[in-house]
């Protein structure tokens, strides 16, 4: 399952408010497909959160997004606004 699909899963499968323990019991084994390789289960991701109670699906989804591993993140430290150029010429750097 892809990460964006989890919010619909939460709405379908869970009743809110709910505990983290209940989420793990009911859907914790669900594997999330990471774009950069290592898939992770909802249980593993929520295990890092430290959150014990969720009042609604959006709160659970936000927690999941906050706690995913590095495999779910694009190019680390990428910044297309840095203004640092890889050119070795004396070209003028333009900032927008």
PDB file of N, CA and C in Angstrom:
ATOM      1  N   UNK A   1       0.837  -1.165   0.000  1.00  0.00           N
ATOM      2  CA  UNK A   1       0.000   0.000   0.000  1.00  0.00           C
ATOM      3  C   UNK A   1       0.886   1.233   0.000  1.00  0.00           C
ATOM      4  N   UNK A   2       0.455   2.243  -0.753  1.00  0.00           N
ATOM      5  CA  UNK A   2       1.191   3.498  -0.792  1.00  0.00           C
ATOM      6  C   UNK A   2       0.771   4.375   0.384  1.00  0.00           C
ATOM      7  N   UNK A   3       1.679   5.209   0.827  1.00  0.00           N
ATOM      8  CA  UNK A   3       1.445   6.069   1.988  1.00  0.00           C
ATOM      9  C   UNK A   3       0.192   6.942   1.849  1.00  0.00           C
ATOM     10  N   UNK A   4      -0.055   7.586   0.697  1.00  0.00           N
ATOM     11  CA  UNK A   4      -1.256   8.424   0.583  1.00  0.00           C
ATOM     12  C   UNK A   4      -2.574   7.663   0.721  1.00  0.00           C
ATOM     13  N   UNK A   5      -2.553   6.352   0.512  1.00  0.00           N
ATOM     14  CA  UNK A   5      -3.765   5.539   0.608  1.00  0.00           C
ATOM     15  C   UNK A   5      -4.138   5.194   2.047  1.00  0.00           C
ATOM     16  N   UNK A   6      -3.245   5.450   2.976  1.00  0.00           N
ATOM     17  CA  UNK A   6      -3.496   5.031   4.362  1.00  0.00           C
ATOM     18  C   UNK A   6      -4.632   5.791   5.026  1.00  0.00           C
ATOM     19  N   UNK A   7      -4.823   7.052   4.686  1.00  0.00           N
ATOM     20  CA  UNK A   7      -5.894   7.818   5.323  1.00  0.00           C
ATOM     21  C   UNK A   7      -7.246   7.169   5.051  1.00  0.00           C
ATOM     22  N   UNK A   8      -7.487   6.732   3.814  1.00  0.00           N
ATOM     23  CA  UNK A   8      -8.746   6.046   3.492  1.00  0.00           C
ATOM     24  C   UNK A   8      -8.861   4.733   4.255  1.00  0.00           C
ATOM     25  N   UNK A   9      -7.758   4.035   4.412  1.00  0.00           N
ATOM     26  CA  UNK A   9      -7.741   2.794   5.200  1.00  0.00           C
ATOM     27  C   UNK A   9      -8.157   3.086   6.640  1.00  0.00           C
ATOM     28  N   UNK A  10      -7.638   4.140   7.209  1.00  0.00           N
ATOM     29  CA  UNK A  10      -7.974   4.496   8.593  1.00  0.00           C
ATOM     30  C   UNK A  10      -9.464   4.773   8.738  1.00  0.00           C
ATOM     31  N   UNK A  11     -10.032   5.490   7.791  1.00  0.00           N
ATOM     32  CA  UNK A  11     -11.458   5.824   7.841  1.00  0.00           C
ATOM     33  C   UNK A  11     -12.315   4.562   7.715  1.00  0.00           C
ATOM     34  N   UNK A  12     -11.917   3.652   6.833  1.00  0.00           N
ATOM     35  CA  UNK A  12     -12.680   2.412   6.610  1.00  0.00           C
ATOM     36  C   UNK A  12     -12.580   1.435   7.769  1.00  0.00           C
ATOM     37  N   UNK A  13     -11.392   1.272   8.328  1.00  0.00           N
ATOM     38  CA  UNK A  13     -11.139   0.176   9.255  1.00  0.00           C
ATOM     39  C   UNK A  13     -11.184   0.538  10.742  1.00  0.00           C
ATOM     40  N   UNK A  14     -11.154   1.816  11.079  1.00  0.00           N
ATOM     41  CA  UNK A  14     -11.032   2.200  12.482  1.00  0.00           C
ATOM     42  C   UNK A  14     -12.182   3.109  12.914  1.00  0.00           C
ATOM     43  N   UNK A  15     -12.471   3.081  14.187  1.00  0.00           N
ATOM     44  CA  UNK A  15     -13.422   4.010  14.787  1.00  0.00           C
ATOM     45  C   UNK A  15     -12.632   4.931  15.703  1.00  0.00           C
ATOM     46  N   UNK A  16     -12.914   6.217  15.602  1.00  0.00           N
ATOM     47  CA  UNK A  16     -12.168   7.209  16.364  1.00  0.00           C
ATOM     48  C   UNK A  16     -13.049   7.820  17.437  1.00  0.00           C
ATOM     49  N   UNK A  17     -12.454   8.196  18.564  1.00  0.00           N
ATOM     50  CA  UNK A  17     -11.043   8.107  18.935  1.00  0.00           C
ATOM     51  C   UNK A  17     -10.611   6.654  19.120  1.00  0.00           C
ATOM     52  N   UNK A  18      -9.334   6.419  18.942  1.00  0.00           N
ATOM     53  CA  UNK A  18      -8.777   5.079  19.083  1.00  0.00           C
ATOM     54  C   UNK A  18      -7.368   5.160  19.655  1.00  0.00           C
ATOM     55  N   UNK A  19      -6.920   4.060  20.192  1.00  0.00           N
ATOM     56  CA  UNK A  19      -5.572   4.012  20.763  1.00  0.00           C
ATOM     57  C   UNK A  19      -4.585   3.497  19.716  1.00  0.00           C
ATOM     58  N   UNK A  20      -3.334   3.806  19.934  1.00  0.00           N
ATOM     59  CA  UNK A  20      -2.275   3.317  19.061  1.00  0.00           C
ATOM     60  C   UNK A  20      -2.253   1.785  19.098  1.00  0.00           C
ATOM     61  N   UNK A  21      -2.490   1.224  20.268  1.00  0.00           N
ATOM     62  CA  UNK A  21      -2.522  -0.232  20.426  1.00  0.00           C
ATOM     63  C   UNK A  21      -3.600  -0.862  19.542  1.00  0.00           C
ATOM     64  N   UNK A  22      -4.764  -0.240  19.477  1.00  0.00           N
ATOM     65  CA  UNK A  22      -5.851  -0.753  18.641  1.00  0.00           C
ATOM     66  C   UNK A  22      -5.490  -0.663  17.162  1.00  0.00           C
ATOM     67  N   UNK A  23      -4.892   0.438  16.760  1.00  0.00           N
ATOM     68  CA  UNK A  23      -4.469   0.602  15.366  1.00  0.00           C
ATOM     69  C   UNK A  23      -3.498  -0.508  14.991  1.00  0.00           C
ATOM     70  N   UNK A  24      -2.540  -0.753  15.851  1.00  0.00           N
ATOM     71  CA  UNK A  24      -1.543  -1.793  15.588  1.00  0.00           C
ATOM     72  C   UNK A  24      -2.192  -3.170  15.537  1.00  0.00           C
ATOM     73  N   UNK A  25      -3.135  -3.424  16.439  1.00  0.00           N
ATOM     74  CA  UNK A  25      -3.849  -4.704  16.457  1.00  0.00           C
ATOM     75  C   UNK A  25      -4.611  -4.944  15.162  1.00  0.00           C
ATOM     76  N   UNK A  26      -5.325  -3.919  14.685  1.00  0.00           N
ATOM     77  CA  UNK A  26      -6.210  -4.090  13.543  1.00  0.00           C
ATOM     78  C   UNK A  26      -5.516  -3.972  12.187  1.00  0.00           C
ATOM     79  N   UNK A  27      -4.580  -3.045  12.038  1.00  0.00           N
ATOM     80  CA  UNK A  27      -3.973  -2.834  10.717  1.00  0.00           C
ATOM     81  C   UNK A  27      -2.453  -2.669  10.769  1.00  0.00           C
ATOM     82  N   UNK A  28      -1.850  -2.967  11.890  1.00  0.00           N
ATOM     83  CA  UNK A  28      -0.417  -2.759  12.063  1.00  0.00           C
ATOM     84  C   UNK A  28       0.469  -3.549  11.127  1.00  0.00           C
ATOM     85  N   UNK A  29       0.000  -4.691  10.656  1.00  0.00           N
ATOM     86  CA  UNK A  29       0.821  -5.523   9.781  1.00  0.00           C
ATOM     87  C   UNK A  29       0.836  -5.009   8.341  1.00  0.00           C
ATOM     88  N   UNK A  30      -0.011  -4.063   8.020  1.00  0.00           N
ATOM     89  CA  UNK A  30      -0.085  -3.503   6.667  1.00  0.00           C
ATOM     90  C   UNK A  30       1.257  -2.874   6.289  1.00  0.00           C
ATOM     91  N   UNK A  31       1.830  -3.332   5.192  1.00  0.00           N
ATOM     92  CA  UNK A  31       3.121  -2.828   4.717  1.00  0.00           C
ATOM     93  C   UNK A  31       2.910  -1.613   3.822  1.00  0.00           C
ATOM     94  N   UNK A  32       3.718  -0.587   4.030  1.00  0.00           N
ATOM     95  CA  UNK A  32       3.676   0.610   3.200  1.00  0.00           C
ATOM     96  C   UNK A  32       4.869   0.592   2.252  1.00  0.00           C
ATOM     97  N   UNK A  33       4.590   0.834   0.986  1.00  0.00           N
ATOM     98  CA  UNK A  33       5.624   0.800  -0.048  1.00  0.00           C
ATOM     99  C   UNK A  33       6.425   2.095  -0.033  1.00  0.00           C
ATOM    100  N   UNK A  34       7.700   1.960   0.210  1.00  0.00           N
ATOM    101  CA  UNK A  34       8.591   3.121   0.213  1.00  0.00           C
ATOM    102  C   UNK A  34       9.130   3.352  -1.190  1.00  0.00           C
ATOM    103  N   UNK A  35       9.141   4.588  -1.664  1.00  0.00           N
ATOM    104  CA  UNK A  35       9.649   4.855  -3.006  1.00  0.00           C
ATOM    105  C   UNK A  35      11.130   4.512  -3.178  1.00  0.00           C
ATOM    106  N   UNK A  36      11.878   4.544  -2.092  1.00  0.00           N
ATOM    107  CA  UNK A  36      13.320   4.298  -2.178  1.00  0.00           C
ATOM    108  C   UNK A  36      13.731   2.947  -1.613  1.00  0.00           C
ATOM    109  N   UNK A  37      12.817   1.987  -1.630  1.00  0.00           N
ATOM    110  CA  UNK A  37      13.245   0.659  -1.229  1.00  0.00           C
ATOM    111  C   UNK A  37      12.550   0.035  -0.055  1.00  0.00           C
ATOM    112  N   UNK A  38      13.091   0.167   1.139  1.00  0.00           N
ATOM    113  CA  UNK A  38      12.675  -0.593   2.307  1.00  0.00           C
ATOM    114  C   UNK A  38      11.244  -0.272   2.754  1.00  0.00           C
ATOM    115  N   UNK A  39      10.333  -1.216   2.481  1.00  0.00           N
ATOM    116  CA  UNK A  39       8.962  -1.056   2.936  1.00  0.00           C
ATOM    117  C   UNK A  39       8.911  -1.170   4.452  1.00  0.00           C
ATOM    118  N   UNK A  40       7.895  -0.556   5.060  1.00  0.00           N
ATOM    119  CA  UNK A  40       7.748  -0.593   6.511  1.00  0.00           C
ATOM    120  C   UNK A  40       6.301  -0.858   6.864  1.00  0.00           C
ATOM    121  N   UNK A  41       6.085  -1.498   7.988  1.00  0.00           N
ATOM    122  CA  UNK A  41       4.722  -1.735   8.452  1.00  0.00           C
ATOM    123  C   UNK A  41       4.230  -0.524   9.238  1.00  0.00           C
ATOM    124  N   UNK A  42       2.918  -0.385   9.307  1.00  0.00           N
ATOM    125  CA  UNK A  42       2.322   0.685  10.104  1.00  0.00           C
ATOM    126  C   UNK A  42       2.755   0.528  11.556  1.00  0.00           C
ATOM    127  N   UNK A  43       2.843  -0.690  12.032  1.00  0.00           N
ATOM    128  CA  UNK A  43       3.282  -0.937  13.406  1.00  0.00           C
ATOM    129  C   UNK A  43       4.678  -0.379  13.672  1.00  0.00           C
ATOM    130  N   UNK A  44       5.603  -0.618  12.756  1.00  0.00           N
ATOM    131  CA  UNK A  44       6.977  -0.131  12.930  1.00  0.00           C
ATOM    132  C   UNK A  44       7.025   1.392  12.946  1.00  0.00           C
ATOM    133  N   UNK A  45       6.246   2.009  12.074  1.00  0.00           N
ATOM    134  CA  UNK A  45       6.244   3.467  11.996  1.00  0.00           C
ATOM    135  C   UNK A  45       5.631   4.073  13.252  1.00  0.00           C
ATOM    136  N   UNK A  46       4.486   3.548  13.671  1.00  0.00           N
ATOM    137  CA  UNK A  46       3.828   4.087  14.870  1.00  0.00           C
ATOM    138  C   UNK A  46       4.626   3.802  16.134  1.00  0.00           C
ATOM    139  N   UNK A  47       5.433   2.751  16.117  1.00  0.00           N
ATOM    140  CA  UNK A  47       6.274   2.428  17.267  1.00  0.00           C
ATOM    141  C   UNK A  47       7.281   3.529  17.582  1.00  0.00           C
ATOM    142  N   UNK A  48       7.631   4.319  16.582  1.00  0.00           N
ATOM    143  CA  UNK A  48       8.561   5.440  16.782  1.00  0.00           C
ATOM    144  C   UNK A  48       7.859   6.719  17.218  1.00  0.00           C
ATOM    145  N   UNK A  49       6.539   6.748  17.142  1.00  0.00           N
ATOM    146  CA  UNK A  49       5.811   8.001  17.338  1.00  0.00           C
ATOM    147  C   UNK A  49       5.682   8.429  18.799  1.00  0.00           C
ATOM    148  N   UNK A  50       5.481   7.483  19.692  1.00  0.00           N
ATOM    149  CA  UNK A  50       5.258   7.824  21.090  1.00  0.00           C
ATOM    150  C   UNK A  50       3.843   8.308  21.369  1.00  0.00           C
ATOM    151  N   UNK A  51       2.985   8.346  20.355  1.00  0.00           N
ATOM    152  CA  UNK A  51       1.604   8.785  20.515  1.00  0.00           C
ATOM    153  C   UNK A  51       0.764   7.597  20.966  1.00  0.00           C
ATOM    154  N   UNK A  52      -0.089   7.814  21.943  1.00  0.00           N
ATOM    155  CA  UNK A  52      -0.897   6.720  22.481  1.00  0.00           C
ATOM    156  C   UNK A  52      -2.356   6.772  22.063  1.00  0.00           C
ATOM    157  N   UNK A  53      -2.851   7.949  21.664  1.00  0.00           N
ATOM    158  CA  UNK A  53      -4.271   8.117  21.346  1.00  0.00           C
ATOM    159  C   UNK A  53      -4.436   8.985  20.107  1.00  0.00           C
ATOM    160  N   UNK A  54      -5.401   8.637  19.266  1.00  0.00           N
ATOM    161  CA  UNK A  54      -5.717   9.413  18.074  1.00  0.00           C
ATOM    162  C   UNK A  54      -7.195   9.779  18.115  1.00  0.00           C
ATOM    163  N   UNK A  55      -7.488  11.057  17.915  1.00  0.00           N
ATOM    164  CA  UNK A  55      -8.879  11.509  17.983  1.00  0.00           C
ATOM    165  C   UNK A  55      -9.599  11.386  16.645  1.00  0.00           C
ATOM    166  N   UNK A  56      -8.850  11.404  15.542  1.00  0.00           N
ATOM    167  CA  UNK A  56      -9.472  11.246  14.226  1.00  0.00           C
ATOM    168  C   UNK A  56      -8.436  10.748  13.211  1.00  0.00           C
ATOM    169  N   UNK A  57      -8.913  10.353  12.045  1.00  0.00           N
ATOM    170  CA  UNK A  57      -8.051   9.767  11.012  1.00  0.00           C
ATOM    171  C   UNK A  57      -6.954  10.724  10.558  1.00  0.00           C
ATOM    172  N   UNK A  58      -7.266  12.011  10.493  1.00  0.00           N
ATOM    173  CA  UNK A  58      -6.258  12.979  10.059  1.00  0.00           C
ATOM    174  C   UNK A  58      -5.088  13.047  11.031  1.00  0.00           C
ATOM    175  N   UNK A  59      -5.362  12.940  12.313  1.00  0.00           N
ATOM    176  CA  UNK A  59      -4.299  12.962  13.313  1.00  0.00           C
ATOM    177  C   UNK A  59      -3.401  11.734  13.172  1.00  0.00           C
ATOM    178  N   UNK A  60      -4.005  10.587  12.944  1.00  0.00           N
ATOM    179  CA  UNK A  60      -3.242   9.357  12.739  1.00  0.00           C
ATOM    180  C   UNK A  60      -2.410   9.455  11.459  1.00  0.00           C
ATOM    181  N   UNK A  61      -3.000   9.970  10.396  1.00  0.00           N
ATOM    182  CA  UNK A  61      -2.288  10.130   9.124  1.00  0.00           C
ATOM    183  C   UNK A  61      -1.106  11.084   9.286  1.00  0.00           C
ATOM    184  N   UNK A  62      -1.316  12.205   9.957  1.00  0.00           N
ATOM    185  CA  UNK A  62      -0.231  13.167  10.188  1.00  0.00           C
ATOM    186  C   UNK A  62       0.904  12.542  10.999  1.00  0.00           C
ATOM    187  N   UNK A  63       0.551  11.749  11.985  1.00  0.00           N
ATOM    188  CA  UNK A  63       1.562  11.069  12.792  1.00  0.00           C
ATOM    189  C   UNK A  63       2.364  10.107  11.932  1.00  0.00           C
ATOM    190  N   UNK A  64       1.682   9.371  11.075  1.00  0.00           N
ATOM    191  CA  UNK A  64       2.354   8.439  10.178  1.00  0.00           C
ATOM    192  C   UNK A  64       3.331   9.181   9.260  1.00  0.00           C
ATOM    193  N   UNK A  65       2.894  10.293   8.685  1.00  0.00           N
ATOM    194  CA  UNK A  65       3.760  11.075   7.796  1.00  0.00           C
ATOM    195  C   UNK A  65       4.988  11.600   8.527  1.00  0.00           C
ATOM    196  N   UNK A  66       4.803  11.972   9.772  1.00  0.00           N
ATOM    197  CA  UNK A  66       5.898  12.527  10.566  1.00  0.00           C
ATOM    198  C   UNK A  66       6.943  11.484  10.919  1.00  0.00           C
ATOM    199  N   UNK A  67       6.530  10.237  11.054  1.00  0.00           N
ATOM    200  CA  UNK A  67       7.419   9.202  11.593  1.00  0.00           C
ATOM    201  C   UNK A  67       7.938   8.199  10.571  1.00  0.00           C
ATOM    202  N   UNK A  68       7.655   8.391   9.287  1.00  0.00           N
ATOM    203  CA  UNK A  68       8.174   7.429   8.301  1.00  0.00           C
ATOM    204  C   UNK A  68       9.693   7.488   8.267  1.00  0.00           C
ATOM    205  N   UNK A  69      10.294   6.412   7.809  1.00  0.00           N
ATOM    206  CA  UNK A  69      11.748   6.317   7.750  1.00  0.00           C
ATOM    207  C   UNK A  69      12.332   7.025   6.538  1.00  0.00           C
ATOM    208  N   UNK A  70      13.642   6.989   6.446  1.00  0.00           N
ATOM    209  CA  UNK A  70      14.374   7.657   5.369  1.00  0.00           C
ATOM    210  C   UNK A  70      14.000   7.155   3.976  1.00  0.00           C
ATOM    211  N   UNK A  71      13.546   5.913   3.868  1.00  0.00           N
ATOM    212  CA  UNK A  71      13.198   5.349   2.569  1.00  0.00           C
ATOM    213  C   UNK A  71      11.998   6.060   1.934  1.00  0.00           C
ATOM    214  N   UNK A  72      11.228   6.794   2.732  1.00  0.00           N
ATOM    215  CA  UNK A  72      10.058   7.499   2.230  1.00  0.00           C
ATOM    216  C   UNK A  72      10.371   8.943   1.849  1.00  0.00           C
ATOM    217  N   UNK A  73      11.590   9.360   2.118  1.00  0.00           N
ATOM    218  CA  UNK A  73      11.985  10.743   1.870  1.00  0.00           C
ATOM    219  C   UNK A  73      12.723  10.803   0.547  1.00  0.00           C
ATOM    220  N   UNK A  74      12.509  11.837  -0.215  1.00  0.00           N
ATOM    221  CA  UNK A  74      13.207  12.012  -1.488  1.00  0.00           C
ATOM    222  C   UNK A  74      14.691  12.249  -1.250  1.00  0.00           C
ATOM    223  N   UNK A  75      15.311  12.991  -2.106  1.00  0.00           N
ATOM    224  CA  UNK A  75      16.740  13.280  -1.957  1.00  0.00           C
ATOM    225  C   UNK A  75      16.958  14.081  -0.691  1.00  0.00           C
ATOM    226  N   UNK A  76      17.686  13.510   0.237  1.00  0.00           N
ATOM    227  CA  UNK A  76      17.951  14.185   1.509  1.00  0.00           C
ATOM    228  C   UNK A  76      18.785  15.435   1.278  1.00  0.00           C
ATOM    229  N   UNK A  77      18.427  16.459   1.989  1.00  0.00           N
ATOM    230  CA  UNK A  77      19.126  17.742   1.968  1.00  0.00           C
ATOM    231  C   UNK A  77      19.059  18.437   0.615  1.00  0.00           C
ATOM    232  N   UNK A  78      18.180  18.007  -0.262  1.00  0.00           N
ATOM    233  CA  UNK A  78      18.033  18.652  -1.564  1.00  0.00           C
ATOM    234  C   UNK A  78      17.350  20.000  -1.380  1.00  0.00           C
ATOM    235  N   UNK A  79      17.877  21.003  -2.030  1.00  0.00           N
ATOM    236  CA  UNK A  79      17.316  22.336  -1.953  1.00  0.00           C
ATOM    237  C   UNK A  79      17.490  22.997  -3.307  1.00  0.00           C
ATOM    238  N   UNK A  80      16.395  23.165  -4.020  1.00  0.00           N
ATOM    239  CA  UNK A  80      16.502  23.784  -5.339  1.00  0.00           C
ATOM    240  C   UNK A  80      16.507  25.308  -5.257  1.00  0.00           C
ATOM    241  N   UNK A  81      16.547  25.845  -4.057  1.00  0.00           N
ATOM    242  CA  UNK A  81      16.559  27.290  -3.875  1.00  0.00           C
ATOM    243  C   UNK A  81      17.850  27.781  -3.215  1.00  0.00           C
ATOM    244  N   UNK A  82      18.836  26.952  -3.148  1.00  0.00           N
ATOM    245  CA  UNK A  82      20.026  27.274  -2.371  1.00  0.00           C
ATOM    246  C   UNK A  82      20.856  28.414  -2.933  1.00  0.00           C
ATOM    247  N   UNK A  83      20.856  28.582  -4.234  1.00  0.00           N
ATOM    248  CA  UNK A  83      21.671  29.624  -4.820  1.00  0.00           C
ATOM    249  C   UNK A  83      23.122  29.212  -4.997  1.00  0.00           C
ATOM    250  N   UNK A  84      23.488  28.033  -4.546  1.00  0.00           N
ATOM    251  CA  UNK A  84      24.846  27.539  -4.717  1.00  0.00           C
ATOM    252  C   UNK A  84      24.919  26.845  -6.065  1.00  0.00           C
ATOM    253  N   UNK A  85      25.836  27.246  -6.851  1.00  0.00           N
ATOM    254  CA  UNK A  85      25.960  26.709  -8.193  1.00  0.00           C
ATOM    255  C   UNK A  85      27.122  25.736  -8.258  1.00  0.00           C
ATOM    256  N   UNK A  86      26.963  24.729  -9.085  1.00  0.00           N
ATOM    257  CA  UNK A  86      28.052  23.783  -9.269  1.00  0.00           C
ATOM    258  C   UNK A  86      28.984  24.227 -10.390  1.00  0.00           C
ATOM    259  N   UNK A  87      28.656  25.364 -11.018  1.00  0.00           N
ATOM    260  CA  UNK A  87      29.516  25.886 -12.081  1.00  0.00           C
ATOM    261  C   UNK A  87      30.830  26.370 -11.498  1.00  0.00           C
ATOM    262  N   UNK A  88      31.906  26.084 -12.192  1.00  0.00           N
ATOM    263  CA  UNK A  88      33.208  26.565 -11.742  1.00  0.00           C
ATOM    264  C   UNK A  88      33.599  27.830 -12.484  1.00  0.00           C
ATOM    265  N   UNK A  89      32.781  28.224 -13.477  1.00  0.00           N
ATOM    266  CA  UNK A  89      33.044  29.462 -14.211  1.00  0.00           C
ATOM    267  C   UNK A  89      32.775  30.648 -13.298  1.00  0.00           C
ATOM    268  N   UNK A  90      33.127  31.803 -13.787  1.00  0.00           N
ATOM    269  CA  UNK A  90      32.856  33.021 -13.033  1.00  0.00           C
ATOM    270  C   UNK A  90      31.489  33.591 -13.391  1.00  0.00           C
ATOM    271  N   UNK A  91      30.572  32.702 -13.794  1.00  0.00           N
ATOM    272  CA  UNK A  91      29.215  33.152 -14.125  1.00  0.00           C
ATOM    273  C   UNK A  91      28.557  33.766 -12.912  1.00  0.00           C
ATOM    274  N   UNK A  92      27.749  34.735 -13.177  1.00  0.00           N
ATOM    275  CA  UNK A  92      27.038  35.406 -12.092  1.00  0.00           C
ATOM    276  C   UNK A  92      25.915  34.500 -11.595  1.00  0.00           C
ATOM    277  N   UNK A  93      25.808  34.370 -10.290  1.00  0.00           N
ATOM    278  CA  UNK A  93      24.736  33.565  -9.692  1.00  0.00           C
ATOM    279  C   UNK A  93      23.512  34.439  -9.591  1.00  0.00           C
ATOM    280  N   UNK A  94      22.406  33.924 -10.089  1.00  0.00           N
ATOM    281  CA  UNK A  94      21.164  34.677 -10.071  1.00  0.00           C
ATOM    282  C   UNK A  94      20.251  34.073  -9.028  1.00  0.00           C
ATOM    283  N   UNK A  95      19.731  34.913  -8.146  1.00  0.00           N
ATOM    284  CA  UNK A  95      18.778  34.465  -7.122  1.00  0.00           C
ATOM    285  C   UNK A  95      17.395  34.954  -7.480  1.00  0.00           C
ATOM    286  N   UNK A  96      16.418  34.111  -7.331  1.00  0.00           N
ATOM    287  CA  UNK A  96      15.039  34.489  -7.631  1.00  0.00           C
ATOM    288  C   UNK A  96      14.266  34.663  -6.365  1.00  0.00           C
TER     289      UNK A  96
END
